[in-house]
Amino acid sequence: MTADSSDDPAGPAPARPDKSHPDPARAAAPADRPAADDTTNAAEGMADPAEGTADPTKDAGNPAKGRKNAADRTEKAADSAADPAERAAVERSASAAEGSANPAEGAANLSGNAANPAERAADPAEGAADPTARPTAIDGAPEPAKDAARSVDRAAADRAAADRAAATERVAPRDRAEAPERAAAADRVSDRAGPERAVAADRATSDRAAAEQAAADRATSDRAVAADRAASDRAAADRAAQGEHAATVERVAAAERVAAGERAAAAETERVEAAGRIEAAERAEAAEQAPAAERASAAERAPAAERATAAERAEAAERAVCARHLRRLWAIPGTVLGRSGWPPTLSQRFHWHWNYWWQAHLLDSLVDAQLRHPTDERARLINRFIATVHRRNFGSWVNDYYDDIAWLGLALHRVRQLQLSTVDEPIEAISKRLHEGWTTDLGGGIWWRRGDSFKNTPANGPAAIFHARTGDQERAAVMTQWLTDTLVDPETGLVWDGIRADTGELVKHVFSYCQGVYLGACLEQHRWDDAARTVRAVEKNLAPQGILPGSEGGDGGLFSAIAARYLALAAKNLPRPEAETAKRLVRQSAEACWNGATQEESGPLFSAYWEKPATNPPNKAERDLSVQIGGWMLLEAAATL
């Protein structure tokens, strides 16, 4: 590694003096000087003037002494010169050097001779090898004279160095004088900085203490919040566990209550069926023991027996529907509603899906049964059922569908006629809502539901019947006339579904539902011709084989049963030949319905299509409450004939 390697952070090492030449001035002397030259010997006999200048700063502290030493050396050089001419040259050089007013100027005139011995040692030939490089007053003089001149030059250089040292000495006292002031100023600054540093240290200490205290407070607060949250979470978990346990217990209890109810219903059904079988056996035995005359009179009483058979079928249908579908609402004692399906799904067990208008027709069928065969037990059941409908409808008697509330209003009106319950409040609420639904859009009529733009027969038909039975004949008349003018097909006599107010489009779907409610409205207002035309249209277009059409379940499970209800009324009240047609349609449909039913342990299970037998196990449509109510309604209608 070289001395000036950049790997050394202190930089290149200083050059060492060459130990083989302890005196640089001597190393600079020419090597080829003649030893025998007396002049040279005389110069060498000098006390080596360079020795006095080896340290140019030696006399820097005393300039006068430095000048005296230089003069002495010059005098010695002149004395040692053998040739007068040489001495004269030496003296002239000395005079020239001494005559300079500015010692520094003299040093400048003699700058060719390096004052630094090391500089002269670096170039030994400088000033000797090339005599013309630094011309002097003694150019061309003999060698002794030249040596003397060089001694003079060195002396001049010494004097210049001494002058510079003197100048430095002159400045140094001022620096020494100013040094105390600067020290005092530094002390004053230090004195001012001391309190400030103390204040800063105190502030830093205070800040650290405050930060530590704040951190400790936050940690304490966080621990308290975490503890509170953990306690709250534990309490919530405990409550949830308790609630889940209570819910589980309640679910188990409800399931047990439901199972107990089902077992009781099944036992009741079995008891009724056993009683029926005993009664039938007794009648058969009595018939065997009857005399011939009585057997003859029995043939004459055949129509009465036929009626008795229709009533028994209706009673069997009632028992079956009630046993399979009637259950408490949410296991609340004293409540009863019809489950929407059998066997029920989980949601159907808890009556989550609310079929308001199915329940209205179930109530209407219970009223049919009470008219057929009144019992106190059924009267109490009807009262419980009405209260439960109000509870399940969240404390209200109405909803947004005008057809739904019209059906409930009709059933409640019949309840009031039989004095089975006090239902004036719900009837009034329904009447008010139906009146609100009437508008002059499309010439009159009420909407299918609130906020809708569709007016249809399913809403206006039962509403017209309701208004007629509750005494509002005027509204019943204009509503029935609107149906006749707007939705009755003039060619076939069939009643269309509805009309859209926003487009004026006639929706010409044909449903047995629409024929039944329009027929009922005409019968209530003694519009006999319109009623007779409707009966003919139904027979020709909907029941060519004498059996009313079926459906795919859902709401459609009630459509033909509604038609059968009002056909039965026409059979008894229409003063036209079409009354017999209406009676035939009802009886033939009822016969087909009964014959197509499958016999379950709980009683008959009706087909969704009366002209077809029911499946076993029941399909989706036959599981619906609407389909089973429809079969029951049909048999009740037939029992009135």
Foldseek 3Di string as FASTA:
>chain_A
DAQQDPVDVVGGDDDDDDPVCPFLVVLLDDPPDDPPDQLVVLQVPQPPLVVVLQPLCPCLVPLVVLLVSLVVSLVSLLVSGPDPVLSVLSVVLLCVLVVDPDLLVSLVLLVQQPSHSVVCSVPSCRCPVDVVVRDDPQPPPDPSSVSSNVSNSNSSNSSNSSVVSVVVVVVVVVCVVCVVVVVVVVVVVVVVVVVVVVVVVVVVVVVVVVVVVVVVVVVVVVVVVVVVVVVVVVVVVVVVVVVVVVVVVLVVVLVVVQVVLLVVLLVVLVVVVVVVVVVVVVVVVVVVVDDPVVVVVVVVCVVVVVLVVLLVQLVLLVQLQCSFFWDAASSDPLAIFGQFFPVHDPCSVNCVPPPLQLRLLVLLLLLLNCVVPNDPVSLSVSVRHVVNSCVVVVNAQDDFFLLSSLSNLVSVLSCVVVPSDDDPVSNVVSLVVLVVQWDCQVHIAGARGPPFQKGFLSRLLSNLLSCLSVPNPVSSVSSLVSQVVPAQDPPLLFGATTAGRVPRDTRRDGFLQSLLSSLSSCLSVVVQVSNLSSLVSCCVPANVPLAGFFDQADLRLQGNLSNLLSLLVCLVRRPDPSSVSSLSSLVVNLVLQVVQFDQDSSGTQTDRTSVHHADVVGDPRSRGSSNSSSSSSSSSSNSVD
